[in-house]
């Protein structure tokens, strides 16, 4: 699944693309509700605060949240590389043990 322009969702975003790539990398995307994602390689750019719901990524995961905190409201499982970039606080509770590189960037980051 790939965006071909700006995506704006005001409620919960649920994408089940198990075995497939999810690319939502438009710099103007806005996801204001929880995001539940299932895919192989997942890339998300969000201009608002990002709330990760129950998500499973079996490949690489990259999240850029430019407009607010990154939080999770469900179990987030990533089996390889995680990259989270944000401007401010990121209170993440990753339940699964990392299996590969994990990069968190921002101010007041916990993981």
PDB file of N, CA and C in Angstrom:
ATOM      1  N   UNK A   1       0.847  -1.164   0.000  1.00  0.00           N
ATOM      2  CA  UNK A   1       0.000   0.000   0.000  1.00  0.00           C
ATOM      3  C   UNK A   1       0.894   1.229   0.000  1.00  0.00           C
ATOM      4  N   UNK A   2       0.645   2.137  -0.907  1.00  0.00           N
ATOM      5  CA  UNK A   2       1.447   3.353  -1.018  1.00  0.00           C
ATOM      6  C   UNK A   2       0.528   4.550  -1.216  1.00  0.00           C
ATOM      7  N   UNK A   3       0.824   5.646  -0.498  1.00  0.00           N
ATOM      8  CA  UNK A   3       0.038   6.854  -0.737  1.00  0.00           C
ATOM      9  C   UNK A   3       0.518   7.515  -2.021  1.00  0.00           C
ATOM     10  N   UNK A   4      -0.419   8.115  -2.746  1.00  0.00           N
ATOM     11  CA  UNK A   4      -0.055   8.836  -3.971  1.00  0.00           C
ATOM     12  C   UNK A   4      -0.290  10.326  -3.790  1.00  0.00           C
ATOM     13  N   UNK A   5      -0.480  10.718  -2.549  1.00  0.00           N
ATOM     14  CA  UNK A   5      -0.727  12.106  -2.193  1.00  0.00           C
ATOM     15  C   UNK A   5      -0.963  12.165  -0.699  1.00  0.00           C
ATOM     16  N   UNK A   6      -1.465  13.283  -0.234  1.00  0.00           N
ATOM     17  CA  UNK A   6      -1.705  13.473   1.189  1.00  0.00           C
ATOM     18  C   UNK A   6      -2.866  12.607   1.666  1.00  0.00           C
ATOM     19  N   UNK A   7      -2.657  11.939   2.817  1.00  0.00           N
ATOM     20  CA  UNK A   7      -3.704  11.142   3.453  1.00  0.00           C
ATOM     21  C   UNK A   7      -4.064  11.830   4.762  1.00  0.00           C
ATOM     22  N   UNK A   8      -5.366  12.044   4.993  1.00  0.00           N
ATOM     23  CA  UNK A   8      -5.834  12.678   6.221  1.00  0.00           C
ATOM     24  C   UNK A   8      -6.940  11.820   6.824  1.00  0.00           C
ATOM     25  N   UNK A   9      -6.694  11.307   8.051  1.00  0.00           N
ATOM     26  CA  UNK A   9      -7.664  10.452   8.735  1.00  0.00           C
ATOM     27  C   UNK A   9      -7.897  11.028  10.121  1.00  0.00           C
ATOM     28  N   UNK A  10      -9.167  11.268  10.485  1.00  0.00           N
ATOM     29  CA  UNK A  10      -9.472  11.848  11.791  1.00  0.00           C
ATOM     30  C   UNK A  10      -9.824  10.799  12.835  1.00  0.00           C
ATOM     31  N   UNK A  11     -10.035   9.567  12.450  1.00  0.00           N
ATOM     32  CA  UNK A  11     -10.342   8.486  13.392  1.00  0.00           C
ATOM     33  C   UNK A  11      -9.241   7.447  13.372  1.00  0.00           C
ATOM     34  N   UNK A  12      -9.584   6.242  13.764  1.00  0.00           N
ATOM     35  CA  UNK A  12      -8.623   5.138  13.794  1.00  0.00           C
ATOM     36  C   UNK A  12      -8.244   4.718  12.381  1.00  0.00           C
ATOM     37  N   UNK A  13      -6.962   4.474  12.167  1.00  0.00           N
ATOM     38  CA  UNK A  13      -6.457   3.956  10.901  1.00  0.00           C
ATOM     39  C   UNK A  13      -6.039   2.514  11.122  1.00  0.00           C
ATOM     40  N   UNK A  14      -6.650   1.578  10.397  1.00  0.00           N
ATOM     41  CA  UNK A  14      -6.292   0.165  10.494  1.00  0.00           C
ATOM     42  C   UNK A  14      -5.897  -0.315   9.111  1.00  0.00           C
ATOM     43  N   UNK A  15      -4.652  -0.762   8.979  1.00  0.00           N
ATOM     44  CA  UNK A  15      -4.170  -1.279   7.698  1.00  0.00           C
ATOM     45  C   UNK A  15      -3.602  -2.666   7.943  1.00  0.00           C
ATOM     46  N   UNK A  16      -4.225  -3.680   7.343  1.00  0.00           N
ATOM     47  CA  UNK A  16      -3.751  -5.058   7.445  1.00  0.00           C
ATOM     48  C   UNK A  16      -3.216  -5.459   6.077  1.00  0.00           C
ATOM     49  N   UNK A  17      -1.910  -5.329   5.924  1.00  0.00           N
ATOM     50  CA  UNK A  17      -1.239  -5.665   4.669  1.00  0.00           C
ATOM     51  C   UNK A  17      -0.138  -6.678   4.966  1.00  0.00           C
ATOM     52  N   UNK A  18      -0.473  -7.712   5.733  1.00  0.00           N
ATOM     53  CA  UNK A  18       0.508  -8.729   6.122  1.00  0.00           C
ATOM     54  C   UNK A  18       1.229  -9.252   4.883  1.00  0.00           C
ATOM     55  N   UNK A  19       2.552  -9.293   4.962  1.00  0.00           N
ATOM     56  CA  UNK A  19       3.357  -9.751   3.840  1.00  0.00           C
ATOM     57  C   UNK A  19       3.586  -8.702   2.767  1.00  0.00           C
ATOM     58  N   UNK A  20       3.072  -7.517   2.963  1.00  0.00           N
ATOM     59  CA  UNK A  20       3.202  -6.435   1.976  1.00  0.00           C
ATOM     60  C   UNK A  20       3.846  -5.209   2.612  1.00  0.00           C
ATOM     61  N   UNK A  21       4.252  -4.275   1.777  1.00  0.00           N
ATOM     62  CA  UNK A  21       4.861  -3.025   2.223  1.00  0.00           C
ATOM     63  C   UNK A  21       3.789  -1.952   2.388  1.00  0.00           C
ATOM     64  N   UNK A  22       3.916  -1.167   3.463  1.00  0.00           N
ATOM     65  CA  UNK A  22       3.045  -0.013   3.687  1.00  0.00           C
ATOM     66  C   UNK A  22       3.927   1.231   3.630  1.00  0.00           C
ATOM     67  N   UNK A  23       3.649   2.129   2.698  1.00  0.00           N
ATOM     68  CA  UNK A  23       4.424   3.362   2.565  1.00  0.00           C
ATOM     69  C   UNK A  23       3.467   4.546   2.575  1.00  0.00           C
ATOM     70  N   UNK A  24       3.449   5.251   3.702  1.00  0.00           N
ATOM     71  CA  UNK A  24       2.626   6.454   3.865  1.00  0.00           C
ATOM     72  C   UNK A  24       3.581   7.593   4.196  1.00  0.00           C
ATOM     73  N   UNK A  25       4.322   8.039   3.186  1.00  0.00           N
ATOM     74  CA  UNK A  25       5.450   8.940   3.420  1.00  0.00           C
ATOM     75  C   UNK A  25       5.267  10.361   2.898  1.00  0.00           C
ATOM     76  N   UNK A  26       4.040  10.731   2.541  1.00  0.00           N
ATOM     77  CA  UNK A  26       3.809  12.105   2.108  1.00  0.00           C
ATOM     78  C   UNK A  26       4.020  13.038   3.296  1.00  0.00           C
ATOM     79  N   UNK A  27       4.760  14.092   3.111  1.00  0.00           N
ATOM     80  CA  UNK A  27       5.104  15.013   4.184  1.00  0.00           C
ATOM     81  C   UNK A  27       3.941  15.796   4.766  1.00  0.00           C
ATOM     82  N   UNK A  28       2.748  15.678   4.177  1.00  0.00           N
ATOM     83  CA  UNK A  28       1.571  16.379   4.689  1.00  0.00           C
ATOM     84  C   UNK A  28       0.522  15.436   5.275  1.00  0.00           C
ATOM     85  N   UNK A  29       0.849  14.148   5.416  1.00  0.00           N
ATOM     86  CA  UNK A  29      -0.103  13.191   5.982  1.00  0.00           C
ATOM     87  C   UNK A  29      -0.512  13.595   7.390  1.00  0.00           C
ATOM     88  N   UNK A  30      -1.778  13.314   7.731  1.00  0.00           N
ATOM     89  CA  UNK A  30      -2.300  13.628   9.062  1.00  0.00           C
ATOM     90  C   UNK A  30      -3.162  12.468   9.553  1.00  0.00           C
ATOM     91  N   UNK A  31      -2.670  11.763  10.576  1.00  0.00           N
ATOM     92  CA  UNK A  31      -3.401  10.668  11.208  1.00  0.00           C
ATOM     93  C   UNK A  31      -3.626  11.067  12.662  1.00  0.00           C
ATOM     94  N   UNK A  32      -4.865  11.439  13.035  1.00  0.00           N
ATOM     95  CA  UNK A  32      -5.102  11.952  14.382  1.00  0.00           C
ATOM     96  C   UNK A  32      -5.582  10.887  15.356  1.00  0.00           C
ATOM     97  N   UNK A  33      -6.029   9.747  14.881  1.00  0.00           N
ATOM     98  CA  UNK A  33      -6.436   8.650  15.756  1.00  0.00           C
ATOM     99  C   UNK A  33      -5.337   7.611  15.855  1.00  0.00           C
ATOM    100  N   UNK A  34      -5.628   6.532  16.567  1.00  0.00           N
ATOM    101  CA  UNK A  34      -4.650   5.445  16.688  1.00  0.00           C
ATOM    102  C   UNK A  34      -4.406   4.804  15.326  1.00  0.00           C
ATOM    103  N   UNK A  35      -3.169   4.334  15.121  1.00  0.00           N
ATOM    104  CA  UNK A  35      -2.805   3.643  13.887  1.00  0.00           C
ATOM    105  C   UNK A  35      -2.466   2.197  14.219  1.00  0.00           C
ATOM    106  N   UNK A  36      -3.238   1.253  13.688  1.00  0.00           N
ATOM    107  CA  UNK A  36      -2.962  -0.174  13.838  1.00  0.00           C
ATOM    108  C   UNK A  36      -2.463  -0.669  12.488  1.00  0.00           C
ATOM    109  N   UNK A  37      -1.202  -1.097  12.450  1.00  0.00           N
ATOM    110  CA  UNK A  37      -0.558  -1.427  11.183  1.00  0.00           C
ATOM    111  C   UNK A  37      -0.041  -2.857  11.199  1.00  0.00           C
ATOM    112  N   UNK A  38      -0.227  -3.560  10.092  1.00  0.00           N
ATOM    113  CA  UNK A  38       0.339  -4.895   9.937  1.00  0.00           C
ATOM    114  C   UNK A  38       0.928  -4.972   8.540  1.00  0.00           C
ATOM    115  N   UNK A  39       2.257  -5.158   8.463  1.00  0.00           N
ATOM    116  CA  UNK A  39       2.912  -5.216   7.170  1.00  0.00           C
ATOM    117  C   UNK A  39       4.345  -5.681   7.295  1.00  0.00           C
ATOM    118  N   UNK A  40       5.012  -5.807   6.162  1.00  0.00           N
ATOM    119  CA  UNK A  40       6.406  -6.237   6.149  1.00  0.00           C
ATOM    120  C   UNK A  40       7.313  -5.056   6.432  1.00  0.00           C
ATOM    121  N   UNK A  41       7.473  -4.157   5.503  1.00  0.00           N
ATOM    122  CA  UNK A  41       8.242  -2.928   5.711  1.00  0.00           C
ATOM    123  C   UNK A  41       7.234  -1.787   5.780  1.00  0.00           C
ATOM    124  N   UNK A  42       7.295  -0.992   6.859  1.00  0.00           N
ATOM    125  CA  UNK A  42       6.302   0.056   7.085  1.00  0.00           C
ATOM    126  C   UNK A  42       7.010   1.394   7.269  1.00  0.00           C
ATOM    127  N   UNK A  43       6.583   2.399   6.496  1.00  0.00           N
ATOM    128  CA  UNK A  43       7.088   3.766   6.606  1.00  0.00           C
ATOM    129  C   UNK A  43       5.894   4.692   6.776  1.00  0.00           C
ATOM    130  N   UNK A  44       5.922   5.512   7.844  1.00  0.00           N
ATOM    131  CA  UNK A  44       4.831   6.449   8.106  1.00  0.00           C
ATOM    132  C   UNK A  44       5.416   7.820   8.406  1.00  0.00           C
ATOM    133  N   UNK A  45       4.870   8.851   7.762  1.00  0.00           N
ATOM    134  CA  UNK A  45       5.165  10.245   8.087  1.00  0.00           C
ATOM    135  C   UNK A  45       3.840  10.859   8.522  1.00  0.00           C
ATOM    136  N   UNK A  46       3.841  11.512   9.690  1.00  0.00           N
ATOM    137  CA  UNK A  46       2.624  12.085  10.244  1.00  0.00           C
ATOM    138  C   UNK A  46       2.912  13.497  10.738  1.00  0.00           C
ATOM    139  N   UNK A  47       2.025  14.441  10.412  1.00  0.00           N
ATOM    140  CA  UNK A  47       2.223  15.835  10.822  1.00  0.00           C
ATOM    141  C   UNK A  47       1.573  16.151  12.162  1.00  0.00           C
ATOM    142  N   UNK A  48       0.951  15.159  12.800  1.00  0.00           N
ATOM    143  CA  UNK A  48       0.332  15.353  14.113  1.00  0.00           C
ATOM    144  C   UNK A  48       0.972  14.390  15.110  1.00  0.00           C
ATOM    145  N   UNK A  49       0.531  14.436  16.357  1.00  0.00           N
ATOM    146  CA  UNK A  49       0.973  13.448  17.342  1.00  0.00           C
ATOM    147  C   UNK A  49       0.586  12.063  16.830  1.00  0.00           C
ATOM    148  N   UNK A  50       1.428  11.065  17.088  1.00  0.00           N
ATOM    149  CA  UNK A  50       1.184   9.724  16.570  1.00  0.00           C
ATOM    150  C   UNK A  50       0.912   8.757  17.706  1.00  0.00           C
ATOM    151  N   UNK A  51      -0.213   8.035  17.604  1.00  0.00           N
ATOM    152  CA  UNK A  51      -0.580   7.005  18.564  1.00  0.00           C
ATOM    153  C   UNK A  51      -0.562   5.667  17.836  1.00  0.00           C
ATOM    154  N   UNK A  52       0.389   4.804  18.192  1.00  0.00           N
ATOM    155  CA  UNK A  52       0.464   3.482  17.581  1.00  0.00           C
ATOM    156  C   UNK A  52      -0.426   2.522  18.352  1.00  0.00           C
ATOM    157  N   UNK A  53      -1.413   1.962  17.674  1.00  0.00           N
ATOM    158  CA  UNK A  53      -2.235   0.914  18.253  1.00  0.00           C
ATOM    159  C   UNK A  53      -1.523  -0.414  18.067  1.00  0.00           C
ATOM    160  N   UNK A  54      -2.218  -1.512  18.305  1.00  0.00           N
ATOM    161  CA  UNK A  54      -1.628  -2.843  18.132  1.00  0.00           C
ATOM    162  C   UNK A  54      -1.105  -2.972  16.706  1.00  0.00           C
ATOM    163  N   UNK A  55       0.209  -3.183  16.576  1.00  0.00           N
ATOM    164  CA  UNK A  55       0.846  -3.215  15.260  1.00  0.00           C
ATOM    165  C   UNK A  55       1.888  -4.314  15.199  1.00  0.00           C
ATOM    166  N   UNK A  56       2.001  -4.943  14.021  1.00  0.00           N
ATOM    167  CA  UNK A  56       3.007  -5.972  13.791  1.00  0.00           C
ATOM    168  C   UNK A  56       3.717  -5.666  12.484  1.00  0.00           C
ATOM    169  N   UNK A  57       5.036  -5.483  12.573  1.00  0.00           N
ATOM    170  CA  UNK A  57       5.858  -5.216  11.398  1.00  0.00           C
ATOM    171  C   UNK A  57       6.929  -6.295  11.351  1.00  0.00           C
ATOM    172  N   UNK A  58       6.960  -7.066  10.272  1.00  0.00           N
ATOM    173  CA  UNK A  58       7.914  -8.171  10.175  1.00  0.00           C
ATOM    174  C   UNK A  58       9.188  -7.795   9.445  1.00  0.00           C
ATOM    175  N   UNK A  59       9.303  -6.561   9.036  1.00  0.00           N
ATOM    176  CA  UNK A  59      10.506  -6.061   8.377  1.00  0.00           C
ATOM    177  C   UNK A  59      10.957  -4.786   9.053  1.00  0.00           C
ATOM    178  N   UNK A  60      11.287  -3.776   8.271  1.00  0.00           N
ATOM    179  CA  UNK A  60      11.758  -2.495   8.802  1.00  0.00           C
ATOM    180  C   UNK A  60      10.587  -1.565   9.092  1.00  0.00           C
ATOM    181  N   UNK A  61      10.735  -0.749  10.153  1.00  0.00           N
ATOM    182  CA  UNK A  61       9.693   0.197  10.545  1.00  0.00           C
ATOM    183  C   UNK A  61      10.316   1.568  10.719  1.00  0.00           C
ATOM    184  N   UNK A  62       9.780   2.562   9.991  1.00  0.00           N
ATOM    185  CA  UNK A  62      10.247   3.937  10.102  1.00  0.00           C
ATOM    186  C   UNK A  62       9.044   4.834  10.354  1.00  0.00           C
ATOM    187  N   UNK A  63       9.114   5.623  11.438  1.00  0.00           N
ATOM    188  CA  UNK A  63       8.033   6.536  11.788  1.00  0.00           C
ATOM    189  C   UNK A  63       8.612   7.923  12.002  1.00  0.00           C
ATOM    190  N   UNK A  64       8.071   8.901  11.290  1.00  0.00           N
ATOM    191  CA  UNK A  64       8.432  10.298  11.494  1.00  0.00           C
ATOM    192  C   UNK A  64       7.167  11.036  11.905  1.00  0.00           C
ATOM    193  N   UNK A  65       7.180  11.600  13.117  1.00  0.00           N
ATOM    194  CA  UNK A  65       6.029  12.326  13.649  1.00  0.00           C
ATOM    195  C   UNK A  65       6.482  13.754  13.926  1.00  0.00           C
ATOM    196  N   UNK A  66       6.093  14.690  13.062  1.00  0.00           N
ATOM    197  CA  UNK A  66       6.626  16.048  13.154  1.00  0.00           C
ATOM    198  C   UNK A  66       5.776  16.997  13.980  1.00  0.00           C
ATOM    199  N   UNK A  67       4.550  16.597  14.357  1.00  0.00           N
ATOM    200  CA  UNK A  67       3.662  17.543  14.997  1.00  0.00           C
ATOM    201  C   UNK A  67       3.243  17.229  16.414  1.00  0.00           C
ATOM    202  N   UNK A  68       3.915  16.307  17.077  1.00  0.00           N
ATOM    203  CA  UNK A  68       3.524  15.987  18.446  1.00  0.00           C
ATOM    204  C   UNK A  68       4.197  14.727  18.938  1.00  0.00           C
ATOM    205  N   UNK A  69       3.785  14.300  20.123  1.00  0.00           N
ATOM    206  CA  UNK A  69       4.377  13.134  20.760  1.00  0.00           C
ATOM    207  C   UNK A  69       4.076  11.849  20.006  1.00  0.00           C
ATOM    208  N   UNK A  70       4.917  10.844  20.218  1.00  0.00           N
ATOM    209  CA  UNK A  70       4.678   9.492  19.731  1.00  0.00           C
ATOM    210  C   UNK A  70       4.355   8.644  20.948  1.00  0.00           C
ATOM    211  N   UNK A  71       3.187   8.002  20.933  1.00  0.00           N
ATOM    212  CA  UNK A  71       2.773   7.134  22.028  1.00  0.00           C
ATOM    213  C   UNK A  71       2.271   5.820  21.450  1.00  0.00           C
ATOM    214  N   UNK A  72       2.076   4.839  22.319  1.00  0.00           N
ATOM    215  CA  UNK A  72       1.459   3.595  21.871  1.00  0.00           C
ATOM    216  C   UNK A  72       0.307   3.245  22.796  1.00  0.00           C
ATOM    217  N   UNK A  73      -0.769   2.730  22.206  1.00  0.00           N
ATOM    218  CA  UNK A  73      -1.932   2.309  22.978  1.00  0.00           C
ATOM    219  C   UNK A  73      -2.181   0.821  22.811  1.00  0.00           C
ATOM    220  N   UNK A  74      -1.239   0.135  22.190  1.00  0.00           N
ATOM    221  CA  UNK A  74      -1.332  -1.308  21.978  1.00  0.00           C
ATOM    222  C   UNK A  74       0.056  -1.888  21.853  1.00  0.00           C
ATOM    223  N   UNK A  75       0.137  -3.201  21.755  1.00  0.00           N
ATOM    224  CA  UNK A  75       1.417  -3.885  21.597  1.00  0.00           C
ATOM    225  C   UNK A  75       1.973  -3.613  20.208  1.00  0.00           C
ATOM    226  N   UNK A  76       3.229  -3.185  20.153  1.00  0.00           N
ATOM    227  CA  UNK A  76       3.903  -2.918  18.886  1.00  0.00           C
ATOM    228  C   UNK A  76       5.049  -3.912  18.761  1.00  0.00           C
ATOM    229  N   UNK A  77       4.997  -4.748  17.735  1.00  0.00           N
ATOM    230  CA  UNK A  77       6.020  -5.765  17.517  1.00  0.00           C
ATOM    231  C   UNK A  77       6.711  -5.508  16.188  1.00  0.00           C
ATOM    232  N   UNK A  78       8.031  -5.313  16.247  1.00  0.00           N
ATOM    233  CA  UNK A  78       8.837  -5.093  15.046  1.00  0.00           C
ATOM    234  C   UNK A  78       9.994  -6.069  15.106  1.00  0.00           C
ATOM    235  N   UNK A  79      10.185  -6.857  14.048  1.00  0.00           N
ATOM    236  CA  UNK A  79      11.200  -7.905  14.118  1.00  0.00           C
ATOM    237  C   UNK A  79      12.560  -7.510  13.570  1.00  0.00           C
ATOM    238  N   UNK A  80      12.699  -6.352  12.931  1.00  0.00           N
ATOM    239  CA  UNK A  80      14.032  -5.923  12.485  1.00  0.00           C
ATOM    240  C   UNK A  80      14.289  -4.488  12.894  1.00  0.00           C
ATOM    241  N   UNK A  81      14.510  -3.582  11.975  1.00  0.00           N
ATOM    242  CA  UNK A  81      14.940  -2.226  12.301  1.00  0.00           C
ATOM    243  C   UNK A  81      13.762  -1.314  12.619  1.00  0.00           C
ATOM    244  N   UNK A  82      13.901  -0.544  13.711  1.00  0.00           N
ATOM    245  CA  UNK A  82      12.911   0.471  14.079  1.00  0.00           C
ATOM    246  C   UNK A  82      13.580   1.831  14.003  1.00  0.00           C
ATOM    247  N   UNK A  83      12.910   2.772  13.439  1.00  0.00           N
ATOM    248  CA  UNK A  83      13.429   4.133  13.403  1.00  0.00           C
ATOM    249  C   UNK A  83      12.278   5.073  13.703  1.00  0.00           C
ATOM    250  N   UNK A  84      12.398   5.803  14.796  1.00  0.00           N
ATOM    251  CA  UNK A  84      11.349   6.742  15.184  1.00  0.00           C
ATOM    252  C   UNK A  84      11.960   8.121  15.303  1.00  0.00           C
ATOM    253  N   UNK A  85      11.402   9.077  14.565  1.00  0.00           N
ATOM    254  CA  UNK A  85      11.895  10.444  14.622  1.00  0.00           C
ATOM    255  C   UNK A  85      10.763  11.365  14.995  1.00  0.00           C
ATOM    256  N   UNK A  86      11.025  12.206  15.951  1.00  0.00           N
ATOM    257  CA  UNK A  86      10.015  13.174  16.336  1.00  0.00           C
ATOM    258  C   UNK A  86      10.668  14.360  17.021  1.00  0.00           C
ATOM    259  N   UNK A  87       9.944  15.421  17.096  1.00  0.00           N
ATOM    260  CA  UNK A  87      10.513  16.657  17.612  1.00  0.00           C
ATOM    261  C   UNK A  87      10.496  16.746  19.128  1.00  0.00           C
ATOM    262  N   UNK A  88       9.579  16.072  19.787  1.00  0.00           N
ATOM    263  CA  UNK A  88       9.469  16.201  21.242  1.00  0.00           C
ATOM    264  C   UNK A  88       9.432  14.847  21.928  1.00  0.00           C
ATOM    265  N   UNK A  89       8.565  14.685  22.897  1.00  0.00           N
ATOM    266  CA  UNK A  89       8.538  13.538  23.791  1.00  0.00           C
ATOM    267  C   UNK A  89       8.017  12.274  23.105  1.00  0.00           C
ATOM    268  N   UNK A  90       8.633  11.124  23.394  1.00  0.00           N
ATOM    269  CA  UNK A  90       8.228   9.848  22.818  1.00  0.00           C
ATOM    270  C   UNK A  90       8.160   8.774  23.899  1.00  0.00           C
ATOM    271  N   UNK A  91       7.054   8.679  24.652  1.00  0.00           N
ATOM    272  CA  UNK A  91       6.952   7.658  25.693  1.00  0.00           C
ATOM    273  C   UNK A  91       6.448   6.335  25.121  1.00  0.00           C
ATOM    274  N   UNK A  92       7.342   5.520  24.595  1.00  0.00           N
ATOM    275  CA  UNK A  92       6.950   4.266  23.963  1.00  0.00           C
ATOM    276  C   UNK A  92       7.193   3.090  24.895  1.00  0.00           C
ATOM    277  N   UNK A  93       6.271   2.149  24.880  1.00  0.00           N
ATOM    278  CA  UNK A  93       6.407   0.926  25.658  1.00  0.00           C
ATOM    279  C   UNK A  93       6.429  -0.235  24.676  1.00  0.00           C
ATOM    280  N   UNK A  94       7.584  -0.587  24.157  1.00  0.00           N
ATOM    281  CA  UNK A  94       7.693  -1.700  23.223  1.00  0.00           C
ATOM    282  C   UNK A  94       7.655  -2.986  24.030  1.00  0.00           C
ATOM    283  N   UNK A  95       6.640  -3.801  23.810  1.00  0.00           N
ATOM    284  CA  UNK A  95       6.493  -5.033  24.572  1.00  0.00           C
ATOM    285  C   UNK A  95       7.466  -6.089  24.080  1.00  0.00           C
ATOM    286  N   UNK A  96       7.672  -6.178  22.799  1.00  0.00           N
ATOM    287  CA  UNK A  96       8.579  -7.181  22.244  1.00  0.00           C
ATOM    288  C   UNK A  96      10.026  -6.736  22.393  1.00  0.00           C
ATOM    289  N   UNK A  97      10.913  -7.690  22.566  1.00  0.00           N
ATOM    290  CA  UNK A  97      12.336  -7.380  22.612  1.00  0.00           C
ATOM    291  C   UNK A  97      12.803  -7.013  21.206  1.00  0.00           C
ATOM    292  N   UNK A  98      13.644  -5.985  21.079  1.00  0.00           N
ATOM    293  CA  UNK A  98      14.160  -5.628  19.759  1.00  0.00           C
ATOM    294  C   UNK A  98      14.977  -6.768  19.162  1.00  0.00           C
ATOM    295  N   UNK A  99      14.807  -6.997  17.884  1.00  0.00           N
ATOM    296  CA  UNK A  99      15.597  -7.988  17.155  1.00  0.00           C
ATOM    297  C   UNK A  99      16.287  -7.283  16.000  1.00  0.00           C
ATOM    298  N   UNK A 100      17.196  -6.443  16.303  1.00  0.00           N
ATOM    299  CA  UNK A 100      17.867  -5.673  15.277  1.00  0.00           C
ATOM    300  C   UNK A 100      18.068  -4.262  15.767  1.00  0.00           C
ATOM    301  N   UNK A 101      18.448  -3.401  14.870  1.00  0.00           N
ATOM    302  CA  UNK A 101      18.746  -2.018  15.243  1.00  0.00           C
ATOM    303  C   UNK A 101      17.483  -1.283  15.657  1.00  0.00           C
ATOM    304  N   UNK A 102      17.634  -0.399  16.627  1.00  0.00           N
ATOM    305  CA  UNK A 102      16.532   0.456  17.049  1.00  0.00           C
ATOM    306  C   UNK A 102      17.070   1.865  17.195  1.00  0.00           C
ATOM    307  N   UNK A 103      16.460   2.812  16.496  1.00  0.00           N
ATOM    308  CA  UNK A 103      16.914   4.195  16.555  1.00  0.00           C
ATOM    309  C   UNK A 103      15.747   5.076  16.955  1.00  0.00           C
ATOM    310  N   UNK A 104      15.901   5.799  18.053  1.00  0.00           N
ATOM    311  CA  UNK A 104      14.894   6.755  18.498  1.00  0.00           C
ATOM    312  C   UNK A 104      15.526   8.126  18.513  1.00  0.00           C
ATOM    313  N   UNK A 105      14.836   9.120  17.987  1.00  0.00           N
ATOM    314  CA  UNK A 105      15.372  10.468  17.980  1.00  0.00           C
ATOM    315  C   UNK A 105      14.343  11.452  18.481  1.00  0.00           C
ATOM    316  N   UNK A 106      14.783  12.502  19.124  1.00  0.00           N
ATOM    317  CA  UNK A 106      13.877  13.519  19.630  1.00  0.00           C
ATOM    318  C   UNK A 106      14.362  14.038  20.961  1.00  0.00           C
ATOM    319  N   UNK A 107      13.481  14.693  21.691  1.00  0.00           N
ATOM    320  CA  UNK A 107      13.781  15.225  23.011  1.00  0.00           C
ATOM    321  C   UNK A 107      12.967  14.447  24.028  1.00  0.00           C
ATOM    322  N   UNK A 108      13.563  14.080  25.159  1.00  0.00           N
ATOM    323  CA  UNK A 108      12.869  13.351  26.219  1.00  0.00           C
ATOM    324  C   UNK A 108      12.296  12.045  25.695  1.00  0.00           C
ATOM    325  N   UNK A 109      13.145  11.207  25.123  1.00  0.00           N
ATOM    326  CA  UNK A 109      12.736   9.954  24.503  1.00  0.00           C
ATOM    327  C   UNK A 109      12.926   8.806  25.476  1.00  0.00           C
ATOM    328  N   UNK A 110      11.891   7.968  25.614  1.00  0.00           N
ATOM    329  CA  UNK A 110      12.000   6.728  26.377  1.00  0.00           C
ATOM    330  C   UNK A 110      11.540   5.598  25.487  1.00  0.00           C
ATOM    331  N   UNK A 111      12.154   4.449  25.622  1.00  0.00           N
ATOM    332  CA  UNK A 111      11.755   3.336  24.761  1.00  0.00           C
ATOM    333  C   UNK A 111      11.872   2.024  25.454  1.00  0.00           C
TER     334      UNK A 111
END
